[in-house]
């Protein structure tokens, strides 16, 4: 299982990626569009049919590659206008589990004026 606790940033490449690429090819994509593959971030790539996902990350002493292929269905990749998006750990976990959130923003945030549902 993939441990995403130590990831500083998680980038999702929204352009379809050839899943035949391995460490060198995916690292070249990272250098070209997203950053550096050895900076501690996780880089997520999805194929055109959204049935395969690869995650490239620095494991401390080298690059590691995590790969998942779905037998049925496809991954729910959010649609952004830019070529990449930054995710947090929750959204990556939802993406890998196949959960489609209705919205990506939280419903509300408790402020200092509201305590236990009663405004003071």
N, C-alpha and C. Protein backbone atom coordinates (compact mmCIF):
# COMPACT_ATOMS: atom_id res chain seq x y z
N UNK A 1 0.84 -1.18 0.00
CA UNK A 1 0.00 0.00 0.00
C UNK A 1 0.88 1.24 0.00
N UNK A 2 0.40 2.26 -0.62
CA UNK A 2 1.11 3.52 -0.75
C UNK A 2 0.92 4.35 0.52
N UNK A 3 2.00 4.80 1.12
CA UNK A 3 1.93 5.66 2.29
C UNK A 3 2.11 7.10 1.83
N UNK A 4 1.07 7.91 1.96
CA UNK A 4 1.12 9.29 1.47
C UNK A 4 1.25 10.28 2.61
N UNK A 5 1.67 9.81 3.77
CA UNK A 5 1.78 10.69 4.92
C UNK A 5 2.94 11.66 4.81
N UNK A 6 4.04 11.28 4.19
CA UNK A 6 5.21 12.13 4.14
C UNK A 6 5.28 13.03 2.92
N UNK A 7 4.27 13.04 2.09
CA UNK A 7 4.31 13.84 0.87
C UNK A 7 4.12 15.31 1.21
N UNK A 8 5.04 16.13 0.73
CA UNK A 8 4.90 17.57 0.95
C UNK A 8 3.86 18.15 0.00
N UNK A 9 3.92 17.76 -1.25
CA UNK A 9 2.97 18.22 -2.27
C UNK A 9 2.62 17.06 -3.18
N UNK A 10 1.43 17.10 -3.74
CA UNK A 10 0.97 16.06 -4.66
C UNK A 10 0.47 16.76 -5.91
N UNK A 11 1.09 16.43 -7.05
CA UNK A 11 0.72 17.02 -8.33
C UNK A 11 0.06 15.96 -9.19
N UNK A 12 -1.05 16.32 -9.83
CA UNK A 12 -1.75 15.45 -10.77
C UNK A 12 -1.55 16.01 -12.16
N UNK A 13 -0.95 15.22 -13.04
CA UNK A 13 -0.77 15.62 -14.43
C UNK A 13 -2.08 15.32 -15.17
N UNK A 14 -2.71 16.34 -15.70
CA UNK A 14 -4.02 16.16 -16.33
C UNK A 14 -3.93 15.75 -17.78
N UNK A 15 -2.76 15.87 -18.36
CA UNK A 15 -2.59 15.40 -19.74
C UNK A 15 -2.48 13.88 -19.73
N UNK A 16 -3.11 13.20 -20.66
CA UNK A 16 -2.98 11.73 -20.69
C UNK A 16 -1.52 11.31 -20.87
N UNK A 17 -1.11 10.29 -20.13
CA UNK A 17 0.27 9.85 -20.12
C UNK A 17 0.36 8.43 -20.66
N UNK A 18 1.37 8.17 -21.45
CA UNK A 18 1.64 6.83 -21.96
C UNK A 18 2.13 5.97 -20.80
N UNK A 19 1.40 4.94 -20.45
CA UNK A 19 1.74 4.11 -19.29
C UNK A 19 2.91 3.17 -19.56
N UNK A 20 3.45 3.18 -20.77
CA UNK A 20 4.67 2.40 -21.03
C UNK A 20 5.90 3.11 -20.49
N UNK A 21 5.75 4.38 -20.15
CA UNK A 21 6.87 5.13 -19.59
C UNK A 21 7.19 4.61 -18.20
N UNK A 22 8.48 4.60 -17.90
CA UNK A 22 8.90 4.17 -16.58
C UNK A 22 9.62 5.33 -15.89
N UNK A 23 10.62 5.06 -15.09
CA UNK A 23 11.28 6.09 -14.29
C UNK A 23 11.82 7.23 -15.14
N UNK A 24 12.55 6.92 -16.19
CA UNK A 24 13.19 7.94 -16.99
C UNK A 24 12.18 8.80 -17.74
N UNK A 25 11.19 8.16 -18.36
CA UNK A 25 10.20 8.91 -19.12
C UNK A 25 9.32 9.78 -18.25
N UNK A 26 8.90 9.25 -17.11
CA UNK A 26 8.07 10.05 -16.20
C UNK A 26 8.88 11.17 -15.55
N UNK A 27 10.15 10.90 -15.25
CA UNK A 27 11.01 11.96 -14.70
C UNK A 27 11.18 13.08 -15.71
N UNK A 28 11.29 12.74 -16.99
CA UNK A 28 11.41 13.77 -18.02
C UNK A 28 10.14 14.63 -18.07
N UNK A 29 8.96 14.00 -17.92
CA UNK A 29 7.72 14.77 -17.87
C UNK A 29 7.68 15.70 -16.66
N UNK A 30 8.16 15.20 -15.55
CA UNK A 30 8.19 16.03 -14.34
C UNK A 30 9.11 17.22 -14.53
N UNK A 31 10.31 16.99 -15.04
CA UNK A 31 11.25 18.10 -15.30
C UNK A 31 10.67 19.10 -16.28
N UNK A 32 9.96 18.61 -17.29
CA UNK A 32 9.46 19.48 -18.34
C UNK A 32 8.28 20.35 -17.89
N UNK A 33 7.38 19.79 -17.07
CA UNK A 33 6.14 20.49 -16.77
C UNK A 33 5.91 20.81 -15.29
N UNK A 34 6.40 19.99 -14.38
CA UNK A 34 5.94 20.09 -13.00
C UNK A 34 6.98 20.51 -11.97
N UNK A 35 8.22 20.16 -12.14
CA UNK A 35 9.21 20.48 -11.13
C UNK A 35 10.39 19.52 -11.18
N UNK A 36 10.84 19.05 -10.02
CA UNK A 36 11.94 18.10 -9.92
C UNK A 36 11.44 16.84 -9.25
N UNK A 37 11.78 15.67 -9.78
CA UNK A 37 11.27 14.44 -9.19
C UNK A 37 11.90 14.09 -7.84
N UNK A 38 12.97 14.77 -7.45
CA UNK A 38 13.62 14.44 -6.17
C UNK A 38 13.34 15.48 -5.09
N UNK A 39 12.24 16.22 -5.22
CA UNK A 39 11.94 17.27 -4.25
C UNK A 39 10.99 16.81 -3.15
N UNK A 40 10.63 15.53 -3.11
CA UNK A 40 9.76 15.01 -2.07
C UNK A 40 8.29 15.04 -2.41
N UNK A 41 7.92 15.56 -3.56
CA UNK A 41 6.52 15.60 -3.97
C UNK A 41 6.13 14.29 -4.65
N UNK A 42 4.83 14.04 -4.69
CA UNK A 42 4.29 12.89 -5.41
C UNK A 42 3.74 13.41 -6.74
N UNK A 43 4.03 12.69 -7.81
CA UNK A 43 3.57 13.06 -9.15
C UNK A 43 2.67 11.95 -9.67
N UNK A 44 1.42 12.29 -9.96
CA UNK A 44 0.40 11.31 -10.34
C UNK A 44 0.12 11.45 -11.83
N UNK A 45 0.15 10.33 -12.54
CA UNK A 45 -0.10 10.29 -13.98
C UNK A 45 -1.22 9.31 -14.27
N UNK A 46 -2.10 9.68 -15.21
CA UNK A 46 -3.24 8.85 -15.59
C UNK A 46 -3.24 8.69 -17.10
N UNK A 47 -3.65 7.52 -17.58
CA UNK A 47 -3.70 7.31 -19.03
C UNK A 47 -4.96 7.92 -19.64
N UNK A 48 -5.08 7.86 -20.95
CA UNK A 48 -6.19 8.50 -21.66
C UNK A 48 -7.55 7.93 -21.26
N UNK A 49 -7.64 6.61 -21.08
CA UNK A 49 -8.92 5.99 -20.71
C UNK A 49 -9.19 6.06 -19.22
N UNK A 50 -8.23 6.59 -18.44
CA UNK A 50 -8.33 6.74 -16.99
C UNK A 50 -8.52 5.40 -16.28
N UNK A 51 -7.90 4.36 -16.79
CA UNK A 51 -7.97 3.05 -16.15
C UNK A 51 -6.67 2.68 -15.45
N UNK A 52 -5.59 3.43 -15.70
CA UNK A 52 -4.29 3.18 -15.09
C UNK A 52 -3.79 4.46 -14.44
N UNK A 53 -3.13 4.30 -13.31
CA UNK A 53 -2.51 5.44 -12.64
C UNK A 53 -1.11 5.03 -12.18
N UNK A 54 -0.15 5.95 -12.35
CA UNK A 54 1.21 5.76 -11.86
C UNK A 54 1.55 6.95 -10.99
N UNK A 55 2.24 6.67 -9.89
CA UNK A 55 2.69 7.71 -8.98
C UNK A 55 4.19 7.60 -8.85
N UNK A 56 4.88 8.67 -9.18
CA UNK A 56 6.33 8.74 -9.09
C UNK A 56 6.69 9.61 -7.90
N UNK A 57 7.58 9.09 -7.03
CA UNK A 57 7.98 9.88 -5.87
C UNK A 57 9.38 9.50 -5.45
N UNK A 58 10.00 10.41 -4.70
CA UNK A 58 11.35 10.19 -4.18
C UNK A 58 11.22 9.47 -2.86
N UNK A 59 11.92 8.34 -2.73
CA UNK A 59 11.79 7.48 -1.56
C UNK A 59 12.90 7.73 -0.54
N UNK A 60 13.67 8.77 -0.69
CA UNK A 60 14.75 9.07 0.23
C UNK A 60 16.11 8.75 -0.37
N UNK A 61 16.23 7.62 -1.04
CA UNK A 61 17.50 7.25 -1.66
C UNK A 61 17.34 6.91 -3.14
N UNK A 62 16.17 7.09 -3.68
CA UNK A 62 15.94 6.82 -5.09
C UNK A 62 14.47 7.03 -5.45
N UNK A 63 14.18 6.98 -6.74
CA UNK A 63 12.81 7.14 -7.20
C UNK A 63 12.05 5.84 -7.00
N UNK A 64 10.79 5.98 -6.65
CA UNK A 64 9.90 4.82 -6.50
C UNK A 64 8.69 5.06 -7.41
N UNK A 65 8.14 3.97 -7.91
CA UNK A 65 7.01 4.05 -8.83
C UNK A 65 5.91 3.15 -8.30
N UNK A 66 4.71 3.71 -8.15
CA UNK A 66 3.54 2.97 -7.69
C UNK A 66 2.57 2.93 -8.85
N UNK A 67 1.95 1.76 -9.10
CA UNK A 67 1.15 1.56 -10.29
C UNK A 67 -0.14 0.85 -9.92
N UNK A 68 -1.27 1.33 -10.43
CA UNK A 68 -2.55 0.67 -10.19
C UNK A 68 -3.33 0.62 -11.49
N UNK A 69 -3.91 -0.56 -11.76
CA UNK A 69 -4.74 -0.76 -12.95
C UNK A 69 -6.11 -1.24 -12.51
N UNK A 70 -7.15 -0.60 -13.02
CA UNK A 70 -8.51 -1.00 -12.68
C UNK A 70 -9.00 -2.07 -13.64
N UNK A 71 -9.72 -3.05 -13.12
CA UNK A 71 -10.33 -4.07 -13.95
C UNK A 71 -11.64 -3.58 -14.54
N UNK A 72 -12.39 -2.77 -13.78
CA UNK A 72 -13.66 -2.21 -14.24
C UNK A 72 -13.70 -0.74 -13.87
N UNK A 73 -14.35 0.06 -14.68
CA UNK A 73 -14.53 1.46 -14.38
C UNK A 73 -13.30 2.29 -14.71
N UNK A 74 -13.31 3.52 -14.23
CA UNK A 74 -12.19 4.42 -14.48
C UNK A 74 -12.03 5.36 -13.29
N UNK A 75 -10.88 5.99 -13.21
CA UNK A 75 -10.59 6.95 -12.15
C UNK A 75 -11.32 8.25 -12.44
N UNK A 76 -11.84 8.88 -11.40
CA UNK A 76 -12.54 10.16 -11.54
C UNK A 76 -11.52 11.28 -11.40
N UNK A 77 -10.98 11.70 -12.52
CA UNK A 77 -9.97 12.76 -12.53
C UNK A 77 -10.69 14.09 -12.64
N UNK A 78 -10.39 15.04 -11.75
CA UNK A 78 -11.05 16.34 -11.85
C UNK A 78 -10.62 17.06 -13.12
N UNK A 79 -11.49 17.90 -13.62
CA UNK A 79 -11.19 18.63 -14.85
C UNK A 79 -10.77 20.05 -14.50
N UNK A 80 -9.55 20.37 -14.84
CA UNK A 80 -9.01 21.71 -14.68
C UNK A 80 -8.56 22.19 -16.04
N UNK A 81 -8.42 23.48 -16.20
CA UNK A 81 -8.01 24.03 -17.48
C UNK A 81 -6.50 23.93 -17.69
N UNK A 82 -5.75 23.94 -16.62
CA UNK A 82 -4.29 23.89 -16.70
C UNK A 82 -3.85 22.44 -16.94
N UNK A 83 -2.58 22.24 -17.25
CA UNK A 83 -2.07 20.90 -17.52
C UNK A 83 -1.81 20.07 -16.29
N UNK A 84 -1.86 20.69 -15.09
CA UNK A 84 -1.65 19.94 -13.87
C UNK A 84 -2.43 20.59 -12.73
N UNK A 85 -2.65 19.82 -11.68
CA UNK A 85 -3.37 20.32 -10.51
C UNK A 85 -2.66 19.84 -9.26
N UNK A 86 -2.80 20.59 -8.21
CA UNK A 86 -2.22 20.17 -6.95
C UNK A 86 -3.32 19.61 -6.05
N UNK A 87 -3.09 18.43 -5.53
CA UNK A 87 -4.06 17.75 -4.69
C UNK A 87 -3.56 17.71 -3.25
N UNK A 88 -4.47 17.44 -2.32
CA UNK A 88 -4.05 17.14 -0.97
C UNK A 88 -4.21 15.63 -0.75
N UNK A 89 -3.83 15.15 0.43
CA UNK A 89 -3.85 13.71 0.68
C UNK A 89 -5.24 13.12 0.59
N UNK A 90 -6.25 13.85 1.07
CA UNK A 90 -7.62 13.33 1.01
C UNK A 90 -8.08 13.13 -0.42
N UNK A 91 -7.82 14.11 -1.29
CA UNK A 91 -8.27 14.01 -2.67
C UNK A 91 -7.54 12.89 -3.42
N UNK A 92 -6.26 12.67 -3.10
CA UNK A 92 -5.55 11.56 -3.72
C UNK A 92 -6.13 10.23 -3.26
N UNK A 93 -6.43 10.11 -1.97
CA UNK A 93 -7.04 8.87 -1.47
C UNK A 93 -8.41 8.64 -2.11
N UNK A 94 -9.20 9.69 -2.27
CA UNK A 94 -10.50 9.55 -2.93
C UNK A 94 -10.33 9.14 -4.38
N UNK A 95 -9.36 9.72 -5.07
CA UNK A 95 -9.09 9.38 -6.47
C UNK A 95 -8.71 7.91 -6.60
N UNK A 96 -7.83 7.42 -5.73
CA UNK A 96 -7.37 6.03 -5.82
C UNK A 96 -8.44 5.04 -5.40
N UNK A 97 -9.36 5.43 -4.53
CA UNK A 97 -10.44 4.55 -4.10
C UNK A 97 -11.64 4.60 -5.03
N UNK A 98 -11.68 5.56 -5.94
CA UNK A 98 -12.78 5.64 -6.90
C UNK A 98 -13.97 6.43 -6.42
N UNK A 99 -13.81 7.19 -5.36
CA UNK A 99 -14.91 8.01 -4.84
C UNK A 99 -14.96 9.31 -5.62
N UNK A 100 -16.16 9.68 -6.05
CA UNK A 100 -16.35 10.92 -6.79
C UNK A 100 -16.98 11.94 -5.86
N UNK A 101 -16.23 12.93 -5.39
CA UNK A 101 -16.83 13.93 -4.50
C UNK A 101 -17.74 14.86 -5.29
N UNK A 102 -18.82 15.29 -4.64
CA UNK A 102 -19.74 16.22 -5.30
C UNK A 102 -19.13 17.61 -5.41
N UNK A 103 -18.34 17.98 -4.41
CA UNK A 103 -17.61 19.24 -4.46
C UNK A 103 -16.29 19.06 -3.75
N UNK A 104 -15.31 19.83 -4.15
CA UNK A 104 -13.98 19.70 -3.57
C UNK A 104 -13.74 20.64 -2.40
N UNK A 105 -14.62 21.59 -2.19
CA UNK A 105 -14.46 22.52 -1.08
C UNK A 105 -15.33 22.06 0.09
N UNK A 106 -14.88 22.30 1.32
CA UNK A 106 -15.70 21.92 2.46
C UNK A 106 -16.97 22.75 2.53
N UNK A 107 -18.01 22.20 3.17
CA UNK A 107 -19.29 22.91 3.26
C UNK A 107 -19.18 24.18 4.06
N UNK A 108 -18.50 24.11 5.18
CA UNK A 108 -18.36 25.27 6.04
C UNK A 108 -17.12 25.09 6.90
N UNK A 109 -16.76 26.16 7.56
CA UNK A 109 -15.63 26.13 8.48
C UNK A 109 -16.07 26.83 9.76
N UNK A 110 -15.86 26.18 10.87
CA UNK A 110 -16.24 26.77 12.15
C UNK A 110 -15.33 27.94 12.46
N UNK A 111 -15.95 29.04 12.84
CA UNK A 111 -15.19 30.22 13.21
C UNK A 111 -15.22 30.45 14.71
N UNK A 112 -14.64 31.56 15.12
CA UNK A 112 -14.61 31.88 16.55
C UNK A 112 -15.98 32.30 17.07
N UNK A 113 -16.85 32.78 16.18
CA UNK A 113 -18.15 33.26 16.63
C UNK A 113 -19.13 32.13 16.87
N UNK A 114 -18.87 30.97 16.31
CA UNK A 114 -19.82 29.86 16.42
C UNK A 114 -19.23 28.78 17.33
N UNK A 115 -19.91 28.49 18.44
CA UNK A 115 -19.46 27.43 19.35
C UNK A 115 -20.58 26.43 19.52
N UNK A 116 -20.33 25.22 19.14
CA UNK A 116 -21.29 24.12 19.26
C UNK A 116 -22.63 24.43 18.62
N UNK A 117 -22.60 25.11 17.49
CA UNK A 117 -23.83 25.35 16.76
C UNK A 117 -24.63 26.54 17.24
N UNK A 118 -24.20 27.20 18.32
CA UNK A 118 -24.92 28.34 18.86
C UNK A 118 -24.05 29.58 18.71
N UNK A 119 -24.58 30.58 18.03
CA UNK A 119 -23.81 31.82 17.87
C UNK A 119 -23.80 32.59 19.17
N UNK A 120 -22.65 33.13 19.56
CA UNK A 120 -22.60 33.91 20.79
C UNK A 120 -22.51 35.39 20.51
